[in-house]
Amino acid sequence: MILKDTKERNRFLKFAAVGALGAAIDFGVMNLLTHLTSMSLVLAGTISFVCAVASNFIWNRIWT
């Protein structure tokens, strides 16, 4: 159980941190692309989603 097992609790918190980082990357890249360029929201959202997925994959593989 996560509440009692320190190792599993730490692992869960790492997954949660990586997920939060991915959400921040998705939101940030999308906003940067739409505000700094004249890129459409759909294209910017697609690119930001791919960046977030790649980041989550790499960090989950390395850290968790």
PDB file of N, CA and C in Angstrom:
ATOM      1  N   MET A   1       0.841  -1.180   0.000  1.00  0.00           N
ATOM      2  CA  MET A   1       0.000   0.000   0.000  1.00  0.00           C
ATOM      3  C   MET A   1       0.891   1.249   0.000  1.00  0.00           C
ATOM      4  N   ILE A   2       0.490   2.256  -0.748  1.00  0.00           N
ATOM      5  CA  ILE A   2       1.311   3.446  -0.945  1.00  0.00           C
ATOM      6  C   ILE A   2       1.541   4.207   0.362  1.00  0.00           C
ATOM      7  N   LEU A   3       0.543   4.278   1.218  1.00  0.00           N
ATOM      8  CA  LEU A   3       0.677   5.072   2.439  1.00  0.00           C
ATOM      9  C   LEU A   3       1.675   4.480   3.419  1.00  0.00           C
ATOM     10  N   LYS A   4       1.845   3.172   3.396  1.00  0.00           N
ATOM     11  CA  LYS A   4       2.717   2.519   4.374  1.00  0.00           C
ATOM     12  C   LYS A   4       4.094   2.164   3.822  1.00  0.00           C
ATOM     13  N   ASP A   5       4.202   1.943   2.548  1.00  0.00           N
ATOM     14  CA  ASP A   5       5.457   1.529   1.934  1.00  0.00           C
ATOM     15  C   ASP A   5       6.207   2.760   1.409  1.00  0.00           C
ATOM     16  N   THR A   6       7.308   3.097   2.054  1.00  0.00           N
ATOM     17  CA  THR A   6       8.075   4.296   1.699  1.00  0.00           C
ATOM     18  C   THR A   6       8.569   4.249   0.258  1.00  0.00           C
ATOM     19  N   LYS A   7       9.024   3.093  -0.182  1.00  0.00           N
ATOM     20  CA  LYS A   7       9.541   2.955  -1.546  1.00  0.00           C
ATOM     21  C   LYS A   7       8.442   3.233  -2.577  1.00  0.00           C
ATOM     22  N   GLU A   8       7.272   2.663  -2.361  1.00  0.00           N
ATOM     23  CA  GLU A   8       6.158   2.873  -3.305  1.00  0.00           C
ATOM     24  C   GLU A   8       5.638   4.305  -3.243  1.00  0.00           C
ATOM     25  N   ARG A   9       5.628   4.901  -2.055  1.00  0.00           N
ATOM     26  CA  ARG A   9       5.186   6.291  -1.922  1.00  0.00           C
ATOM     27  C   ARG A   9       6.134   7.215  -2.681  1.00  0.00           C
ATOM     28  N   ASN A  10       7.436   6.995  -2.538  1.00  0.00           N
ATOM     29  CA  ASN A  10       8.411   7.807  -3.270  1.00  0.00           C
ATOM     30  C   ASN A  10       8.273   7.612  -4.773  1.00  0.00           C
ATOM     31  N   ARG A  11       8.039   6.389  -5.195  1.00  0.00           N
ATOM     32  CA  ARG A  11       7.853   6.109  -6.620  1.00  0.00           C
ATOM     33  C   ARG A  11       6.615   6.824  -7.160  1.00  0.00           C
ATOM     34  N   PHE A  12       5.527   6.775  -6.389  1.00  0.00           N
ATOM     35  CA  PHE A  12       4.303   7.470  -6.784  1.00  0.00           C
ATOM     36  C   PHE A  12       4.540   8.969  -6.899  1.00  0.00           C
ATOM     37  N   LEU A  13       5.238   9.547  -5.926  1.00  0.00           N
ATOM     38  CA  LEU A  13       5.505  10.984  -5.954  1.00  0.00           C
ATOM     39  C   LEU A  13       6.387  11.370  -7.139  1.00  0.00           C
ATOM     40  N   LYS A  14       7.316  10.496  -7.514  1.00  0.00           N
ATOM     41  CA  LYS A  14       8.138  10.753  -8.697  1.00  0.00           C
ATOM     42  C   LYS A  14       7.281  10.757  -9.955  1.00  0.00           C
ATOM     43  N   PHE A  15       6.380   9.780 -10.083  1.00  0.00           N
ATOM     44  CA  PHE A  15       5.477   9.748 -11.231  1.00  0.00           C
ATOM     45  C   PHE A  15       4.612  11.009 -11.270  1.00  0.00           C
ATOM     46  N   ALA A  16       4.124  11.435 -10.111  1.00  0.00           N
ATOM     47  CA  ALA A  16       3.296  12.636 -10.050  1.00  0.00           C
ATOM     48  C   ALA A  16       4.089  13.878 -10.455  1.00  0.00           C
ATOM     49  N   ALA A  17       5.335  13.965 -10.018  1.00  0.00           N
ATOM     50  CA  ALA A  17       6.180  15.109 -10.380  1.00  0.00           C
ATOM     51  C   ALA A  17       6.447  15.137 -11.881  1.00  0.00           C
ATOM     52  N   VAL A  18       6.717  13.978 -12.452  1.00  0.00           N
ATOM     53  CA  VAL A  18       6.953  13.906 -13.902  1.00  0.00           C
ATOM     54  C   VAL A  18       5.682  14.302 -14.654  1.00  0.00           C
ATOM     55  N   GLY A  19       4.545  13.869 -14.183  1.00  0.00           N
ATOM     56  CA  GLY A  19       3.280  14.243 -14.819  1.00  0.00           C
ATOM     57  C   GLY A  19       3.029  15.738 -14.749  1.00  0.00           C
ATOM     58  N   ALA A  20       3.318  16.342 -13.607  1.00  0.00           N
ATOM     59  CA  ALA A  20       3.146  17.789 -13.460  1.00  0.00           C
ATOM     60  C   ALA A  20       4.106  18.545 -14.379  1.00  0.00           C
ATOM     61  N   LEU A  21       5.333  18.044 -14.483  1.00  0.00           N
ATOM     62  CA  LEU A  21       6.294  18.656 -15.397  1.00  0.00           C
ATOM     63  C   LEU A  21       5.795  18.574 -16.845  1.00  0.00           C
ATOM     64  N   GLY A  22       5.244  17.430 -17.215  1.00  0.00           N
ATOM     65  CA  GLY A  22       4.707  17.271 -18.563  1.00  0.00           C
ATOM     66  C   GLY A  22       3.567  18.233 -18.841  1.00  0.00           C
ATOM     67  N   ALA A  23       2.691  18.428 -17.869  1.00  0.00           N
ATOM     68  CA  ALA A  23       1.586  19.375 -18.037  1.00  0.00           C
ATOM     69  C   ALA A  23       2.113  20.796 -18.206  1.00  0.00           C
ATOM     70  N   ALA A  24       3.134  21.151 -17.423  1.00  0.00           N
ATOM     71  CA  ALA A  24       3.731  22.485 -17.534  1.00  0.00           C
ATOM     72  C   ALA A  24       4.404  22.678 -18.891  1.00  0.00           C
ATOM     73  N   ILE A  25       5.082  21.651 -19.365  1.00  0.00           N
ATOM     74  CA  ILE A  25       5.725  21.732 -20.682  1.00  0.00           C
ATOM     75  C   ILE A  25       4.671  21.890 -21.775  1.00  0.00           C
ATOM     76  N   ASP A  26       3.613  21.105 -21.708  1.00  0.00           N
ATOM     77  CA  ASP A  26       2.537  21.182 -22.698  1.00  0.00           C
ATOM     78  C   ASP A  26       1.955  22.594 -22.729  1.00  0.00           C
ATOM     79  N   PHE A  27       1.585  23.104 -21.576  1.00  0.00           N
ATOM     80  CA  PHE A  27       0.985  24.435 -21.484  1.00  0.00           C
ATOM     81  C   PHE A  27       1.965  25.519 -21.922  1.00  0.00           C
ATOM     82  N   GLY A  28       3.199  25.427 -21.453  1.00  0.00           N
ATOM     83  CA  GLY A  28       4.192  26.452 -21.760  1.00  0.00           C
ATOM     84  C   GLY A  28       4.581  26.499 -23.225  1.00  0.00           C
ATOM     85  N   VAL A  29       4.843  25.344 -23.806  1.00  0.00           N
ATOM     86  CA  VAL A  29       5.236  25.311 -25.228  1.00  0.00           C
ATOM     87  C   VAL A  29       4.091  25.798 -26.104  1.00  0.00           C
ATOM     88  N   MET A  30       2.868  25.377 -25.785  1.00  0.00           N
ATOM     89  CA  MET A  30       1.724  25.817 -26.584  1.00  0.00           C
ATOM     90  C   MET A  30       1.575  27.336 -26.519  1.00  0.00           C
ATOM     91  N   ASN A  31       1.697  27.901 -25.330  1.00  0.00           N
ATOM     92  CA  ASN A  31       1.569  29.359 -25.201  1.00  0.00           C
ATOM     93  C   ASN A  31       2.708  30.093 -25.889  1.00  0.00           C
ATOM     94  N   LEU A  32       3.927  29.584 -25.750  1.00  0.00           N
ATOM     95  CA  LEU A  32       5.051  30.223 -26.436  1.00  0.00           C
ATOM     96  C   LEU A  32       4.869  30.202 -27.949  1.00  0.00           C
ATOM     97  N   LEU A  33       4.463  29.065 -28.483  1.00  0.00           N
ATOM     98  CA  LEU A  33       4.311  28.960 -29.932  1.00  0.00           C
ATOM     99  C   LEU A  33       3.182  29.844 -30.462  1.00  0.00           C
ATOM    100  N   THR A  34       2.089  29.957 -29.710  1.00  0.00           N
ATOM    101  CA  THR A  34       0.972  30.769 -30.207  1.00  0.00           C
ATOM    102  C   THR A  34       1.228  32.264 -30.020  1.00  0.00           C
ATOM    103  N   HIS A  35       1.974  32.637 -28.975  1.00  0.00           N
ATOM    104  CA  HIS A  35       2.203  34.060 -28.723  1.00  0.00           C
ATOM    105  C   HIS A  35       3.427  34.607 -29.455  1.00  0.00           C
ATOM    106  N   LEU A  36       4.446  33.794 -29.638  1.00  0.00           N
ATOM    107  CA  LEU A  36       5.664  34.289 -30.284  1.00  0.00           C
ATOM    108  C   LEU A  36       5.644  34.118 -31.799  1.00  0.00           C
ATOM    109  N   THR A  37       4.793  33.232 -32.282  1.00  0.00           N
ATOM    110  CA  THR A  37       4.659  33.039 -33.727  1.00  0.00           C
ATOM    111  C   THR A  37       3.183  33.170 -34.087  1.00  0.00           C
ATOM    112  N   SER A  38       2.882  33.131 -35.340  1.00  0.00           N
ATOM    113  CA  SER A  38       1.482  33.185 -35.765  1.00  0.00           C
ATOM    114  C   SER A  38       0.946  31.770 -36.013  1.00  0.00           C
ATOM    115  N   MET A  39       1.470  30.818 -35.260  1.00  0.00           N
ATOM    116  CA  MET A  39       1.090  29.421 -35.426  1.00  0.00           C
ATOM    117  C   MET A  39      -0.340  29.201 -34.935  1.00  0.00           C
ATOM    118  N   SER A  40      -1.057  28.345 -35.625  1.00  0.00           N
ATOM    119  CA  SER A  40      -2.434  28.043 -35.208  1.00  0.00           C
ATOM    120  C   SER A  40      -2.417  27.275 -33.890  1.00  0.00           C
ATOM    121  N   LEU A  41      -3.495  27.373 -33.156  1.00  0.00           N
ATOM    122  CA  LEU A  41      -3.608  26.726 -31.858  1.00  0.00           C
ATOM    123  C   LEU A  41      -3.544  25.205 -31.988  1.00  0.00           C
ATOM    124  N   VAL A  42      -4.119  24.666 -33.043  1.00  0.00           N
ATOM    125  CA  VAL A  42      -4.107  23.213 -33.238  1.00  0.00           C
ATOM    126  C   VAL A  42      -2.685  22.709 -33.472  1.00  0.00           C
ATOM    127  N   LEU A  43      -1.949  23.375 -34.322  1.00  0.00           N
ATOM    128  CA  LEU A  43      -0.567  22.967 -34.593  1.00  0.00           C
ATOM    129  C   LEU A  43       0.308  23.152 -33.352  1.00  0.00           C
ATOM    130  N   ALA A  44       0.155  24.280 -32.681  1.00  0.00           N
ATOM    131  CA  ALA A  44       0.932  24.526 -31.460  1.00  0.00           C
ATOM    132  C   ALA A  44       0.596  23.499 -30.381  1.00  0.00           C
ATOM    133  N   GLY A  45      -0.680  23.151 -30.255  1.00  0.00           N
ATOM    134  CA  GLY A  45      -1.096  22.144 -29.286  1.00  0.00           C
ATOM    135  C   GLY A  45      -0.538  20.774 -29.612  1.00  0.00           C
ATOM    136  N   THR A  46      -0.473  20.452 -30.883  1.00  0.00           N
ATOM    137  CA  THR A  46       0.084  19.167 -31.309  1.00  0.00           C
ATOM    138  C   THR A  46       1.575  19.088 -30.981  1.00  0.00           C
ATOM    139  N   ILE A  47       2.292  20.136 -31.309  1.00  0.00           N
ATOM    140  CA  ILE A  47       3.731  20.163 -31.041  1.00  0.00           C
ATOM    141  C   ILE A  47       3.993  20.112 -29.534  1.00  0.00           C
ATOM    142  N   SER A  48       3.235  20.875 -28.772  1.00  0.00           N
ATOM    143  CA  SER A  48       3.440  20.906 -27.324  1.00  0.00           C
ATOM    144  C   SER A  48       3.100  19.554 -26.695  1.00  0.00           C
ATOM    145  N   PHE A  49       2.082  18.883 -27.221  1.00  0.00           N
ATOM    146  CA  PHE A  49       1.718  17.560 -26.719  1.00  0.00           C
ATOM    147  C   PHE A  49       2.850  16.561 -26.958  1.00  0.00           C
ATOM    148  N   VAL A  50       3.424  16.585 -28.152  1.00  0.00           N
ATOM    149  CA  VAL A  50       4.524  15.685 -28.472  1.00  0.00           C
ATOM    150  C   VAL A  50       5.737  15.978 -27.576  1.00  0.00           C
ATOM    151  N   CYS A  51       6.019  17.251 -27.333  1.00  0.00           N
ATOM    152  CA  CYS A  51       7.119  17.611 -26.434  1.00  0.00           C
ATOM    153  C   CYS A  51       6.874  17.085 -25.025  1.00  0.00           C
ATOM    154  N   ALA A  52       5.648  17.224 -24.535  1.00  0.00           N
ATOM    155  CA  ALA A  52       5.316  16.760 -23.191  1.00  0.00           C
ATOM    156  C   ALA A  52       5.395  15.244 -23.083  1.00  0.00           C
ATOM    157  N   VAL A  53       4.907  14.536 -24.090  1.00  0.00           N
ATOM    158  CA  VAL A  53       4.971  13.070 -24.077  1.00  0.00           C
ATOM    159  C   VAL A  53       6.420  12.597 -24.098  1.00  0.00           C
ATOM    160  N   ALA A  54       7.236  13.221 -24.932  1.00  0.00           N
ATOM    161  CA  ALA A  54       8.656  12.844 -24.999  1.00  0.00           C
ATOM    162  C   ALA A  54       9.341  13.113 -23.661  1.00  0.00           C
ATOM    163  N   SER A  55       9.063  14.249 -23.068  1.00  0.00           N
ATOM    164  CA  SER A  55       9.645  14.580 -21.766  1.00  0.00           C
ATOM    165  C   SER A  55       9.211  13.570 -20.704  1.00  0.00           C
ATOM    166  N   ASN A  56       7.933  13.269 -20.656  1.00  0.00           N
ATOM    167  CA  ASN A  56       7.434  12.307 -19.668  1.00  0.00           C
ATOM    168  C   ASN A  56       8.063  10.933 -19.864  1.00  0.00           C
ATOM    169  N   PHE A  57       8.181  10.508 -21.100  1.00  0.00           N
ATOM    170  CA  PHE A  57       8.786   9.205 -21.369  1.00  0.00           C
ATOM    171  C   PHE A  57      10.226   9.177 -20.871  1.00  0.00           C
ATOM    172  N   ILE A  58      10.985  10.199 -21.220  1.00  0.00           N
ATOM    173  CA  ILE A  58      12.404  10.237 -20.847  1.00  0.00           C
ATOM    174  C   ILE A  58      12.558  10.290 -19.335  1.00  0.00           C
ATOM    175  N   TRP A  59      11.831  11.192 -18.661  1.00  0.00           N
ATOM    176  CA  TRP A  59      11.969  11.322 -17.214  1.00  0.00           C
ATOM    177  C   TRP A  59      11.469  10.097 -16.463  1.00  0.00           C
ATOM    178  N   ASN A  60      10.376   9.498 -16.947  1.00  0.00           N
ATOM    179  CA  ASN A  60       9.910   8.266 -16.289  1.00  0.00           C
ATOM    180  C   ASN A  60      10.905   7.141 -16.482  1.00  0.00           C
ATOM    181  N   ARG A  61      11.539   7.083 -17.617  1.00  0.00           N
ATOM    182  CA  ARG A  61      12.526   6.025 -17.894  1.00  0.00           C
ATOM    183  C   ARG A  61      13.779   6.210 -17.039  1.00  0.00           C
ATOM    184  N   ILE A  62      14.253   7.455 -16.932  1.00  0.00           N
ATOM    185  CA  ILE A  62      15.502   7.746 -16.222  1.00  0.00           C
ATOM    186  C   ILE A  62      15.307   7.776 -14.706  1.00  0.00           C
ATOM    187  N   TRP A  63      14.276   8.447 -14.249  1.00  0.00           N
ATOM    188  CA  TRP A  63      14.162   8.788 -12.843  1.00  0.00           C
ATOM    189  C   TRP A  63      13.265   7.855 -12.030  1.00  0.00           C
ATOM    190  N   THR A  64      12.168   7.417 -12.630  1.00  0.00           N
ATOM    191  CA  THR A  64      11.255   6.577 -11.848  1.00  0.00           C
ATOM    192  C   THR A  64      11.542   5.124 -12.114  1.00  0.00           C
TER     193      THR A  64
END
